[in-house]
Protein backbone atom coordinates (compact mmCIF):
# COMPACT_ATOMS: atom_id res chain seq x y z
CA MET A 1 121.16 71.12 95.86
CA SER A 2 123.48 70.39 99.26
CA VAL A 3 125.48 73.12 100.37
CA ARG A 4 128.66 71.49 102.17
CA SER A 5 130.90 74.17 103.05
CA LYS A 6 128.49 77.16 103.69
CA PRO A 7 125.68 77.56 106.32
CA PRO A 8 122.43 77.18 105.20
CA LEU A 9 121.42 79.91 102.79
CA LEU A 10 117.73 80.79 104.80
CA LEU A 11 119.70 81.56 107.85
CA LEU A 12 122.04 83.73 106.08
CA GLY A 13 119.54 85.28 104.61
CA VAL A 14 117.67 85.96 108.20
CA ALA A 15 121.18 87.19 109.25
CA GLY A 16 121.11 89.79 106.27
CA LEU A 17 118.00 90.86 107.01
CA CYS A 18 118.51 91.83 110.68
CA ALA A 19 121.92 93.52 109.90
CA SER A 20 120.33 95.68 106.81
CA LEU A 21 117.67 96.85 109.22
CA ALA A 22 120.02 97.89 111.27
CA ALA A 23 122.14 99.48 108.81
CA GLY A 24 119.61 100.78 106.45
CA CYS A 25 119.09 99.28 103.16
CA SER A 26 121.10 96.00 101.70
CA THR A 27 119.69 92.66 101.59
CA LEU A 28 120.94 88.97 100.72
CA VAL A 29 120.18 86.39 98.33
CA LEU A 30 118.03 83.42 98.90
CA THR A 31 116.79 80.72 96.35
CA ASP A 32 113.89 80.44 94.21
CA ASP A 33 110.38 79.02 94.59
CA GLU A 34 110.02 77.93 91.46
CA PRO A 35 111.76 74.96 89.89
CA THR A 36 115.34 75.77 87.94
CA GLY A 37 115.54 73.63 84.83
CA GLY A 38 118.44 73.44 82.51
CA GLY A 39 121.18 73.86 85.03
CA GLU A 40 120.22 77.71 85.84
CA SER A 41 121.51 78.87 89.15
CA PRO A 42 119.24 79.03 92.22
CA LEU A 43 121.12 82.26 93.20
CA ARG A 44 119.22 84.29 90.76
CA ALA A 45 118.62 87.96 91.41
CA ALA A 46 115.27 89.67 90.63
CA LEU A 47 115.35 91.00 87.41
CA SER A 48 115.27 94.82 87.13
CA SER A 49 112.83 97.25 85.83
CA ALA A 50 112.87 100.97 85.18
CA ASP A 51 109.66 101.74 87.26
CA ALA A 52 109.26 98.52 89.26
CA VAL A 53 109.80 98.47 93.31
CA THR A 54 111.65 95.46 94.99
CA LEU A 55 109.94 93.74 97.69
CA ASP A 56 111.12 91.00 100.28
CA ILE A 57 108.33 88.59 101.54
CA PHE A 58 108.53 86.35 104.12
CA TRP A 59 106.09 83.80 105.49
CA ALA A 60 107.09 82.88 108.79
CA ASN A 61 105.37 80.37 111.64
CA LEU A 62 104.65 82.18 115.02
CA PRO A 63 105.76 80.47 118.19
CA ALA A 64 103.61 78.59 120.13
CA GLU A 65 103.70 80.91 122.83
CA GLY A 66 100.24 82.19 122.86
CA PRO A 67 99.16 85.73 123.92
CA GLY A 68 102.61 86.26 125.47
CA PHE A 69 104.62 86.35 122.17
CA ASP A 70 101.62 88.54 120.79
CA ARG A 71 102.31 91.03 123.42
CA ARG A 72 105.94 91.10 122.69
CA LEU A 73 105.69 91.34 119.17
CA TRP A 74 102.88 94.11 118.62
CA ARG A 75 104.37 96.17 121.17
CA PHE A 76 107.11 97.01 118.34
CA VAL A 77 104.59 97.04 115.72
CA GLN A 78 102.88 100.80 114.33
CA GLU A 79 99.47 99.53 113.90
CA ASP A 80 98.31 103.29 113.68
CA ARG A 81 100.07 103.14 110.00
CA ILE A 82 96.79 101.60 109.33
CA ASP A 83 93.46 103.27 108.52
CA PRO A 84 91.41 103.03 112.16
CA GLU A 85 88.36 101.66 110.18
CA SER A 86 90.14 99.18 108.64
CA ARG A 87 92.09 97.76 111.65
CA GLY A 88 88.64 97.53 113.23
CA ARG A 89 87.06 95.25 110.28
CA LEU A 90 90.37 93.26 110.14
CA MET A 91 90.12 92.44 113.80
CA GLN A 92 86.40 91.64 113.56
CA ASN A 93 87.41 89.07 110.99
CA GLY A 94 90.48 87.78 112.86
CA LEU A 95 93.23 89.62 111.13
CA ARG A 96 95.86 92.26 112.54
CA ALA A 97 98.36 94.50 110.58
CA GLY A 98 100.99 97.14 111.24
CA VAL A 99 104.34 98.59 110.02
CA VAL A 100 107.52 97.74 111.32
CA GLY A 101 110.17 100.12 110.96
CA GLY A 102 114.10 100.45 111.66
CA ALA A 103 115.86 97.49 113.26
CA PRO A 104 113.18 94.48 113.92
CA PRO A 105 112.24 93.78 117.63
CA GLU A 106 113.43 90.55 119.22
CA ALA A 107 110.12 88.86 118.46
CA ILE A 108 110.69 89.31 114.82
CA VAL A 109 114.16 87.99 114.94
CA ARG A 110 113.08 84.87 116.62
CA MET A 111 110.46 84.50 114.37
CA LEU A 112 112.57 84.70 111.22
CA ASP A 113 115.59 82.66 113.02
CA PRO A 114 113.86 79.88 114.94
CA LEU A 115 116.73 77.79 115.12
CA GLY A 116 118.95 80.32 116.70
CA LYS A 117 121.47 80.37 114.35
CA ARG A 118 122.13 84.19 114.24
CA ARG A 119 122.10 84.26 118.05
CA GLY A 120 124.50 81.61 118.74
CA GLU A 121 121.92 79.06 119.85
CA THR A 122 122.20 76.40 117.27
CA GLY A 123 122.46 72.94 118.63
CA SER A 124 124.39 69.81 117.28
CA ASP A 125 121.28 68.59 115.19
CA GLU A 126 121.38 71.13 112.32
CA SER A 127 123.04 69.48 109.40
CA PRO A 128 125.52 71.27 107.37
CA THR A 129 124.61 69.85 104.17
CA GLU A 130 120.68 70.65 104.83
CA THR A 131 119.52 72.36 101.71
CA ASP A 132 117.57 75.76 101.85
CA ALA A 133 114.15 74.24 100.57
CA ALA A 134 114.51 71.42 103.46
CA LEU A 135 115.45 74.16 105.94
CA GLY A 136 112.45 76.11 105.16
CA GLU A 137 110.13 73.33 105.57
CA ARG A 138 111.77 72.40 108.95
CA THR A 139 111.63 75.88 110.25
CA GLY A 140 108.58 77.03 108.38
CA VAL A 141 110.41 80.34 107.11
CA ARG A 142 110.23 81.07 103.57
CA ALA A 143 111.28 83.92 101.60
CA ARG A 144 111.20 85.29 98.20
CA THR A 145 112.03 88.67 96.26
CA THR A 146 110.20 90.08 93.61
CA GLN A 147 109.94 93.19 91.60
CA VAL A 148 106.35 94.82 91.05
CA ARG A 149 105.09 97.59 88.85
CA PRO A 150 102.96 100.07 90.16
CA GLY A 151 99.25 98.81 89.77
CA GLU A 152 100.30 95.13 88.48
CA PRO A 153 99.05 92.76 91.00
CA VAL A 154 101.01 89.70 92.23
CA VAL A 155 99.48 86.36 93.67
CA LEU A 156 100.62 85.10 96.75
CA GLN A 157 99.21 81.94 97.93
CA ALA A 158 98.23 82.11 101.53
CA SER A 159 97.18 78.71 102.26
CA LYS A 160 96.39 74.95 101.10
CA VAL A 161 93.30 74.40 99.17
CA TYR A 162 90.65 73.19 101.62
CA ASP A 163 88.03 70.52 100.31
CA ARG A 164 85.30 72.25 102.16
CA ALA A 165 86.03 75.35 104.31
CA ILE A 166 83.15 77.31 106.31
CA VAL A 167 84.06 80.95 106.60
CA LEU A 168 82.68 83.31 109.03
CA HIS A 169 82.44 86.73 108.51
CA ALA A 170 82.08 89.77 111.08
CA ASP A 171 78.49 89.85 110.85
CA ARG A 172 78.41 86.33 111.95
CA SER A 173 77.05 85.31 108.96
CA GLY A 174 78.74 81.95 107.24
CA GLU A 175 79.18 80.50 103.96
CA THR A 176 80.59 77.30 102.83
CA TYR A 177 83.18 77.18 99.97
CA GLU A 178 84.56 73.92 97.99
CA GLN A 179 87.88 73.55 97.04
CA MET A 180 88.67 76.83 98.43
CA GLN A 181 92.27 78.41 98.78
CA ALA A 182 93.15 81.64 100.44
CA ILE A 183 95.00 83.85 98.39
CA TYR A 184 96.81 87.36 98.81
CA SER A 185 96.77 89.83 95.92
CA LEU A 186 99.96 92.14 96.42
CA GLU A 187 99.84 95.44 94.72
CA VAL A 188 102.21 98.44 95.03
CA HIS A 189 100.87 102.23 94.37
CA ARG A 190 102.73 105.49 93.71
CA GLU A 191 101.50 108.18 96.07
CA THR A 192 101.14 111.60 95.11
CA THR A 193 103.70 112.68 97.72
CA GLY A 194 106.42 110.39 95.69
CA GLY A 195 106.12 107.78 98.20
CA TYR A 196 104.84 104.20 97.75
CA SER A 197 102.13 101.98 99.47
CA VAL A 198 101.68 98.50 99.45
CA ARG A 199 98.21 96.91 99.24
CA LEU A 200 97.33 93.48 100.29
CA THR A 201 93.65 92.09 99.23
CA PRO A 202 92.44 88.95 100.71
CA GLU A 203 90.76 86.53 97.95
CA LEU A 204 88.86 83.29 98.04
CA HIS A 205 89.52 81.12 95.00
CA THR A 206 86.92 78.35 95.00
CA GLY A 207 85.96 75.41 92.59
CA GLU A 208 87.87 73.47 89.84
CA PRO A 209 89.85 75.48 87.71
CA ARG A 210 87.82 76.53 84.29
CA SER A 211 88.91 78.13 81.12
CA GLN A 212 88.11 81.80 80.92
CA TRP A 213 89.31 84.46 78.41
CA VAL A 214 91.23 87.51 79.88
CA ARG A 215 93.20 90.60 78.42
CA ASP A 216 96.56 91.53 78.52
CA GLU A 217 97.82 94.48 80.12
CA THR A 218 97.17 96.87 76.95
CA SER A 219 93.31 95.50 76.82
CA MET A 220 93.86 94.81 73.48
CA ILE A 221 94.87 90.89 73.08
CA ALA A 222 92.59 88.23 74.95
CA TYR A 223 93.74 84.67 75.67
CA GLN A 224 92.47 81.75 77.55
CA ARG A 225 93.65 80.76 81.13
CA MET A 226 92.88 78.27 83.38
CA GLU A 227 91.17 80.15 86.74
CA ARG A 228 88.76 79.43 89.57
CA GLU A 229 85.71 81.26 90.73
CA LYS A 230 87.33 84.33 92.87
CA ARG A 231 85.71 86.41 95.49
CA ALA A 232 87.84 89.37 96.53
CA LEU A 233 87.46 90.72 100.28
CA ASP A 234 87.59 94.57 99.35
CA ASP A 235 86.61 95.61 102.67
CA LEU A 236 89.45 93.60 104.35
CA ARG A 237 92.12 95.35 101.92
CA ILE A 238 95.01 96.21 103.85
CA GLU A 239 97.26 99.21 102.87
CA ALA A 240 99.92 101.22 104.34
CA PRO A 241 102.59 103.52 102.83
CA LEU A 242 106.21 102.42 103.27
CA VAL A 243 109.72 103.91 102.97
CA VAL A 244 112.62 101.69 102.13
CA GLY A 245 113.67 99.05 105.28
CA GLU A 246 109.99 99.27 106.46
CA MET A 247 107.82 96.25 106.45
CA LEU A 248 104.11 95.72 106.71
CA LEU A 249 103.39 92.55 108.96
CA VAL A 250 99.90 90.58 108.57
CA THR A 251 99.05 87.66 111.05
CA SER A 252 95.88 86.34 112.45
CA LEU A 253 94.62 86.51 115.91
CA PRO A 254 95.12 83.71 118.44
CA ASP A 255 91.45 82.93 118.60
CA SER A 256 90.60 83.25 114.87
CA ALA A 257 88.59 79.98 114.73
CA SER A 258 86.66 79.75 111.50
CA ARG A 259 86.65 83.52 110.69
CA VAL A 260 88.89 84.75 107.56
CA GLY A 261 92.06 85.08 109.68
CA ARG A 262 92.59 81.57 110.32
CA TYR A 263 92.49 80.54 106.77
CA PHE A 264 94.92 82.93 105.37
CA HIS A 265 97.40 82.16 108.53
CA GLU A 266 96.86 78.95 109.72
CA ALA A 267 100.42 77.23 109.89
CA GLU A 268 100.61 74.05 107.43
CA ASP A 269 102.03 70.88 108.35
CA SER A 270 102.21 71.99 112.30
CA PRO A 271 100.31 71.35 115.49
CA GLU A 272 96.78 72.46 115.31
CA GLY A 273 96.43 76.27 116.12
CA ARG A 274 99.87 77.17 115.11
CA ARG A 275 99.91 80.53 113.08
CA LYS A 276 101.95 82.09 110.59
CA ALA A 277 102.69 85.87 109.61
CA ILE A 278 103.46 87.49 106.38
CA LEU A 279 106.17 90.26 106.22
CA ILE A 280 106.45 92.58 103.14
CA ARG A 281 109.51 94.54 103.30
CA LEU A 282 110.25 97.59 100.95
CA THR A 283 113.74 97.21 99.73
CA GLY A 284 114.32 99.17 96.52
CA VAL A 285 112.63 102.06 94.47
CA PRO A 286 113.09 103.49 91.07
CA PRO A 287 115.52 106.40 90.72
CA ASP A 288 113.77 109.58 91.54
CA PRO A 289 114.28 111.93 88.46
CA ALA A 290 115.03 114.95 90.71
CA PHE A 291 118.26 113.51 92.05
CA GLY A 292 118.95 110.83 89.16
CA ALA A 293 119.73 107.86 91.67
CA GLY A 294 117.38 105.48 93.37
CA ARG A 295 117.13 104.45 96.94
CA ASP A 296 117.77 100.70 96.50
CA GLY A 297 117.93 97.86 98.70
CA GLY A 298 121.66 96.66 97.46
CA LEU A 299 121.65 92.86 96.86
CA ALA A 300 118.28 91.65 95.82
CA TRP A 301 117.06 88.69 97.25
CA SER A 302 115.67 85.97 94.86
CA GLU A 303 112.43 83.77 95.68
CA ARG A 304 112.78 80.50 97.72
């Protein structure tokens, strides 16, 4: 689908993100990652659920500026919102995580708006009819919105499928995997205080898909599903409490080499050494029974 009289939706979404963070809560709509058949509109809002929270999820390539960019980026990220022991394990494995609150720093704005559209830096090479999908491929910025019920995992594909990969761990041991893909398992949990925490667990999915019996959420009905061997890296789980408007940022270290961080955050279809980041922003939560109204993110993003 082409858009002839409007700016590309991706850039509108970035502008909406920055404006919403500064103002407090509202978000904008992007298109969906999954194909839309039968004439279904790509501008599909996230489905509502009584006990679900709404999350904006971004994948964005980091500029090839090396340590200088990292210093500017992490200067405004609250790494102390992650447990100190967890931070140490993450860094030993080539990963880094923290929480961004309030208006995003310039480094994140540039990461989500690499063409400078919102900052008035766009040159004449931008096509007014460029689709959102094409723009995402050119800039390396992809976004989606999803609603997540507490405790129910959402699968986020973090990498392509590597025919063969040697993964080095913090203890300097190495393992070789065939047909490996890096996957983040995303969950949201309700805290005893009434707030919410976002949890990311790195997983390595390997081998050819095989038919396996799994049970539904009631644990009473079993059905067959094609799945691959899975190794959850529970010791590298990332968890952070968030309030509406805050986001969890995770990326790899510049020198992650063959450590876990490289495979989860290697930018695809870009020069060697480029990295990508994942940003997960809490935009809406269920109504608080004590007050009868929810704190939501306004308009929901749908997937691109």
